[in-house]
Amino acid sequence: MKLIKIIVCFLFPLCSFSQGNDSLKNKKWINYNRKRGIGETSIKNWEDKINISRSGDTLVRKFARSMGTGEVLYETSYIHNEENGLEIAYHPNGMIKEINYYLDGRLWETISRSDSNGKALNPGTLYNGNGTRLFTDYHYLDLNCYETYRNGLPEGPYYEQTGTSIAAKGELTYKKGAVNYLPAKKVTYIGASGEKLTGTFDNNSYEAVFHDPRDSVDYKIIAVIDDSVAQPPGEFKEISLGFSDPAIIPRGNWQLINLQNGKVYRSVNYDDNGNPVKVIAFKENGEVFWEKKYSPCNKRKVSKVNPDGSLSGEFCEGKLTK
């Protein structure tokens, strides 16, 4: 049944599963915001080890394993459905890569960092939720990428190498008010193995999971109420970056830098909600190659997909934007 849940959430990312109170009665169905493996393109599987304290709190230790080697990529702990305590990330050879400390779902301290040979690297200055975290980019090209935090959330200068000769530089902010909440259904139903389950699905996922005749799994619906889910994090394609939380957005001016000559080859201005409003591409001599302008929006724009899977466009308050 756990495998079915993972498949459902992979195919229909706007879904979530929740517990009625902190003490879990059904230990098989627990769902958190899954992080991607560090330095990996995908995760082979997830393991959740669940313990109930004497006071009734649920402690979940979550492990992510590499698709390539099966080794643990990182482990972390959740209390009250939020990340708390140490998060330990590993290189594929088993050496510890990073040790960070989380408090109530916020990154609170960077403790240590090392390369795959065990050589110590500077983890940054993040302490008590404030400072700079240093990290290695996704492609292992730059050991000293950085992001700035305030009160445990991204806020301030950010730098990451995004390709063999390209780096993105600008500022991030954390803004819950920029996030759209999409119509959804909270469903209580009987799963394929007879468990009584509760999940929240965006409307399209709800129809696909429970009413698509091509679905061979027969779920017995007990109750359905209207609900909502946050829009998916998505990608800021203009700067080739994406973040795990939809409330993390770029702000102000961002630059894509050609690392071979140190020149800016693209400039992107964002509105107050993480939407690009002006994109300028430059020639090698610094002259403008092309320029595009877009309308701002009082929320993050929402990308919608056609039934055949193709992108139908970006929408602001339900209206198509250009």
C-alpha atoms as a PDB file:
ATOM      1  CA  MET A   1       0.000   0.000   0.000  1.00  0.00           C
ATOM      2  CA  LYS A   2       2.914   2.336   0.709  1.00  0.00           C
ATOM      3  CA  LEU A   3       4.082   1.748  -2.859  1.00  0.00           C
ATOM      4  CA  ILE A   4       0.661   2.808  -4.194  1.00  0.00           C
ATOM      5  CA  LYS A   5       0.847   6.041  -2.172  1.00  0.00           C
ATOM      6  CA  ILE A   6       4.279   6.880  -3.558  1.00  0.00           C
ATOM      7  CA  ILE A   7       3.128   6.203  -7.123  1.00  0.00           C
ATOM      8  CA  VAL A   8      -0.005   8.321  -6.649  1.00  0.00           C
ATOM      9  CA  CYS A   9       1.953  11.295  -5.297  1.00  0.00           C
ATOM     10  CA  PHE A  10       4.581  10.942  -8.024  1.00  0.00           C
ATOM     11  CA  LEU A  11       1.982  11.031 -10.783  1.00  0.00           C
ATOM     12  CA  PHE A  12      -0.203  13.610  -9.049  1.00  0.00           C
ATOM     13  CA  PRO A  13       2.145  15.924  -7.076  1.00  0.00           C
ATOM     14  CA  LEU A  14      -0.657  18.142  -5.734  1.00  0.00           C
ATOM     15  CA  CYS A  15      -1.710  15.658  -3.105  1.00  0.00           C
ATOM     16  CA  SER A  16      -0.923  15.196   0.548  1.00  0.00           C
ATOM     17  CA  PHE A  17      -1.708  12.799   3.341  1.00  0.00           C
ATOM     18  CA  SER A  18      -2.218  13.883   6.903  1.00  0.00           C
ATOM     19  CA  GLN A  19      -2.837  12.531  10.366  1.00  0.00           C
ATOM     20  CA  GLY A  20      -5.797  13.543  12.498  1.00  0.00           C
ATOM     21  CA  ASN A  21      -3.648  14.144  15.565  1.00  0.00           C
ATOM     22  CA  ASP A  22       0.008  13.774  16.396  1.00  0.00           C
ATOM     23  CA  SER A  23      -0.132  10.133  17.486  1.00  0.00           C
ATOM     24  CA  LEU A  24      -0.298   7.982  14.385  1.00  0.00           C
ATOM     25  CA  LYS A  25      -2.733   5.103  14.394  1.00  0.00           C
ATOM     26  CA  ASN A  26      -1.852   4.019  10.868  1.00  0.00           C
ATOM     27  CA  LYS A  27       1.918   3.968  10.545  1.00  0.00           C
ATOM     28  CA  LYS A  28       2.004   3.046   6.859  1.00  0.00           C
ATOM     29  CA  TRP A  29       0.529   6.223   5.434  1.00  0.00           C
ATOM     30  CA  ILE A  30       2.633   9.198   6.350  1.00  0.00           C
ATOM     31  CA  ASN A  31       3.673  11.835   3.847  1.00  0.00           C
ATOM     32  CA  TYR A  32       6.074  14.743   4.195  1.00  0.00           C
ATOM     33  CA  ASN A  33       7.630  17.200   1.784  1.00  0.00           C
ATOM     34  CA  ARG A  34      10.179  14.915   0.202  1.00  0.00           C
ATOM     35  CA  LYS A  35      13.544  16.407  -0.648  1.00  0.00           C
ATOM     36  CA  ARG A  36      15.512  15.215  -3.632  1.00  0.00           C
ATOM     37  CA  GLY A  37      18.693  13.324  -2.944  1.00  0.00           C
ATOM     38  CA  ILE A  38      21.759  15.515  -2.761  1.00  0.00           C
ATOM     39  CA  GLY A  39      23.763  15.021  -5.941  1.00  0.00           C
ATOM     40  CA  GLU A  40      21.273  12.477  -7.251  1.00  0.00           C
ATOM     41  CA  THR A  41      18.770  12.709 -10.088  1.00  0.00           C
ATOM     42  CA  SER A  42      16.266  10.502  -8.306  1.00  0.00           C
ATOM     43  CA  ILE A  43      15.580   8.495  -5.182  1.00  0.00           C
ATOM     44  CA  LYS A  44      15.394   4.709  -5.189  1.00  0.00           C
ATOM     45  CA  ASN A  45      13.110   4.467  -2.188  1.00  0.00           C
ATOM     46  CA  TRP A  46      12.151   6.015   1.130  1.00  0.00           C
ATOM     47  CA  GLU A  47      12.142   4.524   4.577  1.00  0.00           C
ATOM     48  CA  ASP A  48      10.187   5.976   7.485  1.00  0.00           C
ATOM     49  CA  LYS A  49      10.960   4.644  10.946  1.00  0.00           C
ATOM     50  CA  ILE A  50       8.194   5.748  13.296  1.00  0.00           C
ATOM     51  CA  ASN A  51       8.272   5.858  17.086  1.00  0.00           C
ATOM     52  CA  ILE A  52       5.684   7.135  19.552  1.00  0.00           C
ATOM     53  CA  SER A  53       6.992   8.821  22.698  1.00  0.00           C
ATOM     54  CA  ARG A  54       5.506   8.198  26.142  1.00  0.00           C
ATOM     55  CA  SER A  55       3.778  11.587  25.890  1.00  0.00           C
ATOM     56  CA  GLY A  56       2.131  10.544  22.620  1.00  0.00           C
ATOM     57  CA  ASP A  57       4.298  12.530  20.190  1.00  0.00           C
ATOM     58  CA  THR A  58       5.257  10.943  16.900  1.00  0.00           C
ATOM     59  CA  LEU A  59       8.952  10.893  15.941  1.00  0.00           C
ATOM     60  CA  VAL A  60       9.665   9.961  12.335  1.00  0.00           C
ATOM     61  CA  ARG A  61      13.191   9.250  11.115  1.00  0.00           C
ATOM     62  CA  LYS A  62      13.194   9.513   7.350  1.00  0.00           C
ATOM     63  CA  PHE A  63      15.824   7.934   5.097  1.00  0.00           C
ATOM     64  CA  ALA A  64      16.376   8.524   1.370  1.00  0.00           C
ATOM     65  CA  ARG A  65      18.336   5.968  -0.651  1.00  0.00           C
ATOM     66  CA  SER A  66      20.301   6.462  -3.855  1.00  0.00           C
ATOM     67  CA  MET A  67      18.919   4.973  -7.056  1.00  0.00           C
ATOM     68  CA  GLY A  68      22.467   4.284  -8.187  1.00  0.00           C
ATOM     69  CA  THR A  69      23.922   2.522  -5.148  1.00  0.00           C
ATOM     70  CA  GLY A  70      21.094   1.990  -2.688  1.00  0.00           C
ATOM     71  CA  GLU A  71      23.105   3.784  -0.014  1.00  0.00           C
ATOM     72  CA  VAL A  72      21.428   6.259   2.339  1.00  0.00           C
ATOM     73  CA  LEU A  73      21.730   9.793   0.924  1.00  0.00           C
ATOM     74  CA  TYR A  74      20.400  11.556   3.973  1.00  0.00           C
ATOM     75  CA  GLU A  75      18.401  11.035   7.129  1.00  0.00           C
ATOM     76  CA  THR A  76      16.362  13.482   9.102  1.00  0.00           C
ATOM     77  CA  SER A  77      13.749  13.585  11.858  1.00  0.00           C
ATOM     78  CA  TYR A  78      10.226  14.969  12.033  1.00  0.00           C
ATOM     79  CA  ILE A  79       8.238  15.913  15.125  1.00  0.00           C
ATOM     80  CA  HIS A  80       4.695  17.311  14.876  1.00  0.00           C
ATOM     81  CA  ASN A  81       4.982  16.927  11.089  1.00  0.00           C
ATOM     82  CA  GLU A  82       7.901  19.391  10.923  1.00  0.00           C
ATOM     83  CA  GLU A  83      11.609  18.769  10.509  1.00  0.00           C
ATOM     84  CA  ASN A  84      13.354  18.916  13.872  1.00  0.00           C
ATOM     85  CA  GLY A  85      16.837  17.912  14.963  1.00  0.00           C
ATOM     86  CA  LEU A  86      19.788  16.780  12.898  1.00  0.00           C
ATOM     87  CA  GLU A  87      19.729  16.232   9.153  1.00  0.00           C
ATOM     88  CA  ILE A  88      22.701  14.173   8.013  1.00  0.00           C
ATOM     89  CA  ALA A  89      23.543  14.003   4.300  1.00  0.00           C
ATOM     90  CA  TYR A  90      25.928  11.411   2.861  1.00  0.00           C
ATOM     91  CA  HIS A  91      28.050  11.084  -0.244  1.00  0.00           C
ATOM     92  CA  PRO A  92      27.302   7.929  -2.299  1.00  0.00           C
ATOM     93  CA  ASN A  93      30.441   6.310  -0.846  1.00  0.00           C
ATOM     94  CA  GLY A  94      28.995   6.644   2.665  1.00  0.00           C
ATOM     95  CA  MET A  95      31.124   9.590   3.843  1.00  0.00           C
ATOM     96  CA  ILE A  96      29.196  12.292   5.675  1.00  0.00           C
ATOM     97  CA  LYS A  97      28.560  15.280   3.419  1.00  0.00           C
ATOM     98  CA  GLU A  98      26.656  17.707   5.657  1.00  0.00           C
ATOM     99  CA  ILE A  99      25.214  17.919   9.154  1.00  0.00           C
ATOM    100  CA  ASN A 100      22.542  20.564   9.657  1.00  0.00           C
ATOM    101  CA  TYR A 101      20.181  21.301  12.511  1.00  0.00           C
ATOM    102  CA  TYR A 102      16.466  22.082  12.017  1.00  0.00           C
ATOM    103  CA  LEU A 103      14.051  23.651  14.489  1.00  0.00           C
ATOM    104  CA  ASP A 104      10.287  23.621  13.845  1.00  0.00           C
ATOM    105  CA  GLY A 105      10.783  23.128  10.107  1.00  0.00           C
ATOM    106  CA  ARG A 106      13.422  25.871   9.761  1.00  0.00           C
ATOM    107  CA  LEU A 107      17.140  25.485   9.041  1.00  0.00           C
ATOM    108  CA  TRP A 108      18.682  26.692  12.295  1.00  0.00           C
ATOM    109  CA  GLU A 109      22.386  25.835  12.140  1.00  0.00           C
ATOM    110  CA  THR A 110      24.967  24.462   9.693  1.00  0.00           C
ATOM    111  CA  ILE A 111      27.211  22.215  11.784  1.00  0.00           C
ATOM    112  CA  SER A 112      29.689  20.611   9.382  1.00  0.00           C
ATOM    113  CA  ARG A 113      30.413  19.854   5.750  1.00  0.00           C
ATOM    114  CA  SER A 114      33.025  17.673   3.975  1.00  0.00           C
ATOM    115  CA  ASP A 115      33.949  16.300   0.571  1.00  0.00           C
ATOM    116  CA  SER A 116      33.738  12.633  -0.451  1.00  0.00           C
ATOM    117  CA  ASN A 117      37.253  12.006   0.924  1.00  0.00           C
ATOM    118  CA  GLY A 118      36.323  13.325   4.338  1.00  0.00           C
ATOM    119  CA  LYS A 119      38.151  16.643   3.965  1.00  0.00           C
ATOM    120  CA  ALA A 120      36.424  19.338   6.005  1.00  0.00           C
ATOM    121  CA  LEU A 121      34.742  22.157   4.074  1.00  0.00           C
ATOM    122  CA  ASN A 122      33.440  25.465   5.363  1.00  0.00           C
ATOM    123  CA  PRO A 123      29.718  25.024   6.212  1.00  0.00           C
ATOM    124  CA  GLY A 124      29.086  28.779   6.439  1.00  0.00           C
ATOM    125  CA  THR A 125      28.012  31.092   9.254  1.00  0.00           C
ATOM    126  CA  LEU A 126      24.388  30.025   9.791  1.00  0.00           C
ATOM    127  CA  TYR A 127      23.648  29.950  13.540  1.00  0.00           C
ATOM    128  CA  ASN A 128      20.371  30.425  15.425  1.00  0.00           C
ATOM    129  CA  GLY A 129      18.599  30.721  12.090  1.00  0.00           C
ATOM    130  CA  ASN A 130      20.681  33.636  10.770  1.00  0.00           C
ATOM    131  CA  GLY A 131      23.686  33.721   8.459  1.00  0.00           C
ATOM    132  CA  THR A 132      24.979  32.112   5.279  1.00  0.00           C
ATOM    133  CA  ARG A 133      24.925  28.446   4.349  1.00  0.00           C
ATOM    134  CA  LEU A 134      27.609  27.238   1.932  1.00  0.00           C
ATOM    135  CA  PHE A 135      26.781  24.272  -0.302  1.00  0.00           C
ATOM    136  CA  THR A 136      27.983  22.360  -3.334  1.00  0.00           C
ATOM    137  CA  ASP A 137      25.960  22.824  -6.504  1.00  0.00           C
ATOM    138  CA  TYR A 138      23.847  20.035  -7.976  1.00  0.00           C
ATOM    139  CA  HIS A 139      26.544  19.110 -10.532  1.00  0.00           C
ATOM    140  CA  TYR A 140      29.463  19.169  -8.044  1.00  0.00           C
ATOM    141  CA  LEU A 141      31.161  22.002  -9.944  1.00  0.00           C
ATOM    142  CA  ASP A 142      31.416  24.661  -7.229  1.00  0.00           C
ATOM    143  CA  LEU A 143      32.016  23.909  -3.543  1.00  0.00           C
ATOM    144  CA  ASN A 144      31.199  27.421  -2.380  1.00  0.00           C
ATOM    145  CA  CYS A 145      27.702  28.234  -3.556  1.00  0.00           C
ATOM    146  CA  TYR A 146      25.771  30.122  -0.897  1.00  0.00           C
ATOM    147  CA  GLU A 147      22.345  31.108   0.362  1.00  0.00           C
ATOM    148  CA  THR A 148      21.406  33.549   3.116  1.00  0.00           C
ATOM    149  CA  TYR A 149      18.947  32.845   5.946  1.00  0.00           C
ATOM    150  CA  ARG A 150      16.996  34.946   8.416  1.00  0.00           C
ATOM    151  CA  ASN A 151      15.022  33.287  11.209  1.00  0.00           C
ATOM    152  CA  GLY A 152      15.640  29.934   9.559  1.00  0.00           C
ATOM    153  CA  LEU A 153      14.174  30.885   6.164  1.00  0.00           C
ATOM    154  CA  PRO A 154      15.867  31.968   2.901  1.00  0.00           C
ATOM    155  CA  GLU A 155      16.238  35.746   2.869  1.00  0.00           C
ATOM    156  CA  GLY A 156      19.006  37.602   1.036  1.00  0.00           C
ATOM    157  CA  PRO A 157      21.904  36.967  -1.400  1.00  0.00           C
ATOM    158  CA  TYR A 158      22.059  33.648  -3.267  1.00  0.00           C
ATOM    159  CA  TYR A 159      24.632  32.196  -5.670  1.00  0.00           C
ATOM    160  CA  GLU A 160      24.744  28.841  -7.461  1.00  0.00           C
ATOM    161  CA  GLN A 161      26.597  27.456 -10.451  1.00  0.00           C
ATOM    162  CA  THR A 162      23.873  26.026 -12.675  1.00  0.00           C
ATOM    163  CA  GLY A 163      25.983  24.613 -15.524  1.00  0.00           C
ATOM    164  CA  THR A 164      29.559  23.977 -16.601  1.00  0.00           C
ATOM    165  CA  SER A 165      30.129  27.680 -17.326  1.00  0.00           C
ATOM    166  CA  ILE A 166      27.017  29.422 -15.968  1.00  0.00           C
ATOM    167  CA  ALA A 167      26.158  30.792 -12.535  1.00  0.00           C
ATOM    168  CA  ALA A 168      23.014  32.465 -11.211  1.00  0.00           C
ATOM    169  CA  LYS A 169      23.226  35.327  -8.720  1.00  0.00           C
ATOM    170  CA  GLY A 170      20.525  37.348  -6.978  1.00  0.00           C
ATOM    171  CA  GLU A 171      18.395  37.427  -3.841  1.00  0.00           C
ATOM    172  CA  LEU A 172      15.737  35.111  -2.431  1.00  0.00           C
ATOM    173  CA  THR A 173      12.887  35.829  -0.089  1.00  0.00           C
ATOM    174  CA  TYR A 174      10.324  33.706   1.717  1.00  0.00           C
ATOM    175  CA  LYS A 175       6.772  34.909   1.099  1.00  0.00           C
ATOM    176  CA  LYS A 176       3.784  32.730   1.982  1.00  0.00           C
ATOM    177  CA  GLY A 177       1.459  35.420   0.620  1.00  0.00           C
ATOM    178  CA  ALA A 178       2.769  34.828  -2.908  1.00  0.00           C
ATOM    179  CA  VAL A 179       1.586  31.209  -2.943  1.00  0.00           C
ATOM    180  CA  ASN A 180      -1.670  30.203  -4.634  1.00  0.00           C
ATOM    181  CA  TYR A 181      -3.883  27.619  -2.972  1.00  0.00           C
ATOM    182  CA  LEU A 182      -5.670  25.491  -5.539  1.00  0.00           C
ATOM    183  CA  PRO A 183      -9.097  23.846  -5.173  1.00  0.00           C
ATOM    184  CA  ALA A 184      -8.842  20.338  -3.772  1.00  0.00           C
ATOM    185  CA  LYS A 185     -10.791  17.524  -2.163  1.00  0.00           C
ATOM    186  CA  LYS A 186     -10.081  16.016   1.228  1.00  0.00           C
ATOM    187  CA  VAL A 187     -11.053  12.386   0.881  1.00  0.00           C
ATOM    188  CA  THR A 188     -11.561   9.692   3.499  1.00  0.00           C
ATOM    189  CA  TYR A 189     -11.617   6.291   1.845  1.00  0.00           C
ATOM    190  CA  ILE A 190     -10.774   2.616   2.127  1.00  0.00           C
ATOM    191  CA  GLY A 191      -7.489   1.759   0.453  1.00  0.00           C
ATOM    192  CA  ALA A 192      -6.654  -1.284  -1.619  1.00  0.00           C
ATOM    193  CA  SER A 193      -5.448  -3.180   1.467  1.00  0.00           C
ATOM    194  CA  GLY A 194      -8.456  -2.273   3.595  1.00  0.00           C
ATOM    195  CA  GLU A 195      -6.985   0.658   5.533  1.00  0.00           C
ATOM    196  CA  LYS A 196      -9.064   3.700   6.344  1.00  0.00           C
ATOM    197  CA  LEU A 197      -7.124   6.631   4.885  1.00  0.00           C
ATOM    198  CA  THR A 198      -7.444  10.385   4.502  1.00  0.00           C
ATOM    199  CA  GLY A 199      -5.748  12.331   1.700  1.00  0.00           C
ATOM    200  CA  THR A 200      -6.031  15.742   0.079  1.00  0.00           C
ATOM    201  CA  PHE A 201      -5.923  15.869  -3.740  1.00  0.00           C
ATOM    202  CA  ASP A 202      -6.179  18.784  -6.149  1.00  0.00           C
ATOM    203  CA  ASN A 203      -9.336  18.482  -8.225  1.00  0.00           C
ATOM    204  CA  ASN A 204      -7.638  17.022 -11.306  1.00  0.00           C
ATOM    205  CA  SER A 205      -5.784  14.430  -9.226  1.00  0.00           C
ATOM    206  CA  TYR A 206      -8.992  13.579  -7.361  1.00  0.00           C
ATOM    207  CA  GLU A 207     -10.787  12.796 -10.619  1.00  0.00           C
ATOM    208  CA  ALA A 208      -7.851  10.816 -11.954  1.00  0.00           C
ATOM    209  CA  VAL A 209      -7.333   8.752  -8.799  1.00  0.00           C
ATOM    210  CA  PHE A 210     -10.958   8.014  -7.898  1.00  0.00           C
ATOM    211  CA  HIS A 211     -12.987   8.319 -11.101  1.00  0.00           C
ATOM    212  CA  ASP A 212     -10.711   7.493 -14.011  1.00  0.00           C
ATOM    213  CA  PRO A 213     -11.992   4.192 -15.490  1.00  0.00           C
ATOM    214  CA  ARG A 214      -8.451   3.327 -16.536  1.00  0.00           C
ATOM    215  CA  ASP A 215      -7.431   3.114 -12.865  1.00  0.00           C
ATOM    216  CA  SER A 216      -7.593  -0.545 -11.822  1.00  0.00           C
ATOM    217  CA  VAL A 217      -7.462   0.261  -8.090  1.00  0.00           C
ATOM    218  CA  ASP A 218     -10.923   0.296  -6.493  1.00  0.00           C
ATOM    219  CA  TYR A 219     -11.110   2.793  -3.628  1.00  0.00           C
ATOM    220  CA  LYS A 220     -14.243   2.984  -1.512  1.00  0.00           C
ATOM    221  CA  ILE A 221     -14.950   6.648  -0.730  1.00  0.00           C
ATOM    222  CA  ILE A 222     -16.362   7.308   2.749  1.00  0.00           C
ATOM    223  CA  ALA A 223     -16.454  11.126   2.748  1.00  0.00           C
ATOM    224  CA  VAL A 224     -15.371  14.045   0.539  1.00  0.00           C
ATOM    225  CA  ILE A 225     -15.098  17.708   1.568  1.00  0.00           C
ATOM    226  CA  ASP A 226     -13.742  20.742  -0.269  1.00  0.00           C
ATOM    227  CA  ASP A 227     -10.205  21.749   0.639  1.00  0.00           C
ATOM    228  CA  SER A 228      -7.147  23.352  -0.941  1.00  0.00           C
ATOM    229  CA  VAL A 229      -3.475  22.585  -1.584  1.00  0.00           C
ATOM    230  CA  ALA A 230      -0.536  24.901  -2.229  1.00  0.00           C
ATOM    231  CA  GLN A 231       0.663  25.200  -5.803  1.00  0.00           C
ATOM    232  CA  PRO A 232       3.721  23.053  -6.571  1.00  0.00           C
ATOM    233  CA  PRO A 233       7.153  24.693  -6.207  1.00  0.00           C
ATOM    234  CA  GLY A 234       7.845  24.659  -9.940  1.00  0.00           C
ATOM    235  CA  GLU A 235      10.960  26.010 -11.665  1.00  0.00           C
ATOM    236  CA  PHE A 236      12.143  29.530 -12.348  1.00  0.00           C
ATOM    237  CA  LYS A 237      13.213  28.659 -15.861  1.00  0.00           C
ATOM    238  CA  GLU A 238      14.694  32.095 -16.590  1.00  0.00           C
ATOM    239  CA  ILE A 239      17.502  31.387 -14.074  1.00  0.00           C
ATOM    240  CA  SER A 240      17.415  27.564 -14.264  1.00  0.00           C
ATOM    241  CA  LEU A 241      16.646  27.162 -10.549  1.00  0.00           C
ATOM    242  CA  GLY A 242      13.916  25.576  -8.488  1.00  0.00           C
ATOM    243  CA  PHE A 243      13.290  25.345  -4.749  1.00  0.00           C
ATOM    244  CA  SER A 244      11.524  22.826  -2.512  1.00  0.00           C
ATOM    245  CA  ASP A 245       8.984  25.295  -1.059  1.00  0.00           C
ATOM    246  CA  PRO A 246       6.630  27.376  -3.270  1.00  0.00           C
ATOM    247  CA  ALA A 247       7.062  30.293  -0.841  1.00  0.00           C
ATOM    248  CA  ILE A 248      10.779  30.585  -1.716  1.00  0.00           C
ATOM    249  CA  ILE A 249      10.941  33.096  -4.568  1.00  0.00           C
ATOM    250  CA  PRO A 250      13.551  35.273  -6.321  1.00  0.00           C
ATOM    251  CA  ARG A 251      13.238  39.012  -5.846  1.00  0.00           C
ATOM    252  CA  GLY A 252      14.627  42.056  -7.622  1.00  0.00           C
ATOM    253  CA  ASN A 253      17.313  41.672 -10.267  1.00  0.00           C
ATOM    254  CA  TRP A 254      19.026  38.359 -11.023  1.00  0.00           C
ATOM    255  CA  GLN A 255      21.950  37.765 -13.342  1.00  0.00           C
ATOM    256  CA  LEU A 256      23.193  34.753 -15.246  1.00  0.00           C
ATOM    257  CA  ILE A 257      26.968  35.019 -15.500  1.00  0.00           C
ATOM    258  CA  ASN A 258      29.266  33.451 -18.092  1.00  0.00           C
ATOM    259  CA  LEU A 259      32.043  32.076 -15.872  1.00  0.00           C
ATOM    260  CA  GLN A 260      34.489  31.868 -18.772  1.00  0.00           C
ATOM    261  CA  ASN A 261      34.590  35.638 -19.277  1.00  0.00           C
ATOM    262  CA  GLY A 262      32.828  36.937 -16.155  1.00  0.00           C
ATOM    263  CA  LYS A 263      30.205  38.803 -18.197  1.00  0.00           C
ATOM    264  CA  VAL A 264      26.467  38.904 -17.638  1.00  0.00           C
ATOM    265  CA  TYR A 265      24.659  37.234 -20.515  1.00  0.00           C
ATOM    266  CA  ARG A 266      21.125  37.437 -19.100  1.00  0.00           C
ATOM    267  CA  SER A 267      19.387  39.790 -16.677  1.00  0.00           C
ATOM    268  CA  VAL A 268      16.013  38.991 -15.098  1.00  0.00           C
ATOM    269  CA  ASN A 269      13.845  41.331 -13.043  1.00  0.00           C
ATOM    270  CA  TYR A 270      11.164  39.783 -10.801  1.00  0.00           C
ATOM    271  CA  ASP A 271       8.053  41.354  -9.310  1.00  0.00           C
ATOM    272  CA  ASP A 272       7.230  41.100  -5.583  1.00  0.00           C
ATOM    273  CA  ASN A 273       5.781  37.599  -6.027  1.00  0.00           C
ATOM    274  CA  GLY A 274       8.540  35.861  -7.959  1.00  0.00           C
ATOM    275  CA  ASN A 275       7.225  36.429 -11.486  1.00  0.00           C
ATOM    276  CA  PRO A 276       9.610  37.663 -14.203  1.00  0.00           C
ATOM    277  CA  VAL A 277       8.648  41.085 -15.554  1.00  0.00           C
ATOM    278  CA  LYS A 278      11.683  41.814 -17.747  1.00  0.00           C
ATOM    279  CA  VAL A 279      14.290  39.517 -19.282  1.00  0.00           C
ATOM    280  CA  ILE A 280      17.279  40.862 -21.236  1.00  0.00           C
ATOM    281  CA  ALA A 281      19.785  38.722 -23.137  1.00  0.00           C
ATOM    282  CA  PHE A 282      23.188  40.205 -23.982  1.00  0.00           C
ATOM    283  CA  LYS A 283      25.737  39.585 -26.700  1.00  0.00           C
ATOM    284  CA  GLU A 284      29.363  38.857 -25.783  1.00  0.00           C
ATOM    285  CA  ASN A 285      30.241  42.515 -26.377  1.00  0.00           C
ATOM    286  CA  GLY A 286      27.593  43.633 -23.881  1.00  0.00           C
ATOM    287  CA  GLU A 287      25.040  44.818 -26.416  1.00  0.00           C
ATOM    288  CA  VAL A 288      21.405  43.834 -25.950  1.00  0.00           C
ATOM    289  CA  PHE A 289      20.542  40.759 -28.018  1.00  0.00           C
ATOM    290  CA  TRP A 290      16.827  40.686 -27.155  1.00  0.00           C
ATOM    291  CA  GLU A 291      14.455  41.901 -24.474  1.00  0.00           C
ATOM    292  CA  LYS A 292      11.099  40.571 -23.283  1.00  0.00           C
ATOM    293  CA  LYS A 293       8.589  42.076 -20.863  1.00  0.00           C
ATOM    294  CA  TYR A 294       5.816  40.346 -18.933  1.00  0.00           C
ATOM    295  CA  SER A 295       2.909  41.541 -16.822  1.00  0.00           C
ATOM    296  CA  PRO A 296       3.277  41.316 -13.008  1.00  0.00           C
ATOM    297  CA  CYS A 297       0.877  39.367 -10.802  1.00  0.00           C
ATOM    298  CA  ASN A 298      -0.230  39.716  -7.177  1.00  0.00           C
ATOM    299  CA  LYS A 299       0.475  35.991  -6.656  1.00  0.00           C
ATOM    300  CA  ARG A 300       2.849  33.524  -8.222  1.00  0.00           C
ATOM    301  CA  LYS A 301       1.579  32.690 -11.679  1.00  0.00           C
ATOM    302  CA  VAL A 302       0.182  29.201 -12.082  1.00  0.00           C
ATOM    303  CA  SER A 303       1.199  26.900 -14.942  1.00  0.00           C
ATOM    304  CA  LYS A 304      -1.675  24.807 -16.253  1.00  0.00           C
ATOM    305  CA  VAL A 305      -1.436  21.579 -18.188  1.00  0.00           C
ATOM    306  CA  ASN A 306      -3.744  20.291 -20.916  1.00  0.00           C
ATOM    307  CA  PRO A 307      -5.283  16.792 -20.668  1.00  0.00           C
ATOM    308  CA  ASP A 308      -2.623  15.509 -23.085  1.00  0.00           C
ATOM    309  CA  GLY A 309       0.163  16.743 -20.781  1.00  0.00           C
ATOM    310  CA  SER A 310       1.172  19.792 -22.830  1.00  0.00           C
ATOM    311  CA  LEU A 311       1.540  23.198 -21.181  1.00  0.00           C
ATOM    312  CA  SER A 312      -1.452  25.468 -21.797  1.00  0.00           C
ATOM    313  CA  GLY A 313       0.245  28.579 -20.411  1.00  0.00           C
ATOM    314  CA  GLU A 314       0.771  30.663 -17.275  1.00  0.00           C
ATOM    315  CA  PHE A 315      -2.196  32.214 -15.515  1.00  0.00           C
ATOM    316  CA  CYS A 316      -2.613  35.108 -13.099  1.00  0.00           C
ATOM    317  CA  GLU A 317      -5.892  34.902 -11.143  1.00  0.00           C
ATOM    318  CA  GLY A 318      -7.223  32.485 -13.730  1.00  0.00           C
ATOM    319  CA  LYS A 319      -6.365  34.696 -16.725  1.00  0.00           C
ATOM    320  CA  LEU A 320      -3.794  33.695 -19.313  1.00  0.00           C
ATOM    321  CA  THR A 321      -0.721  35.959 -19.306  1.00  0.00           C
ATOM    322  CA  LYS A 322       1.822  36.629 -21.999  1.00  0.00           C
END
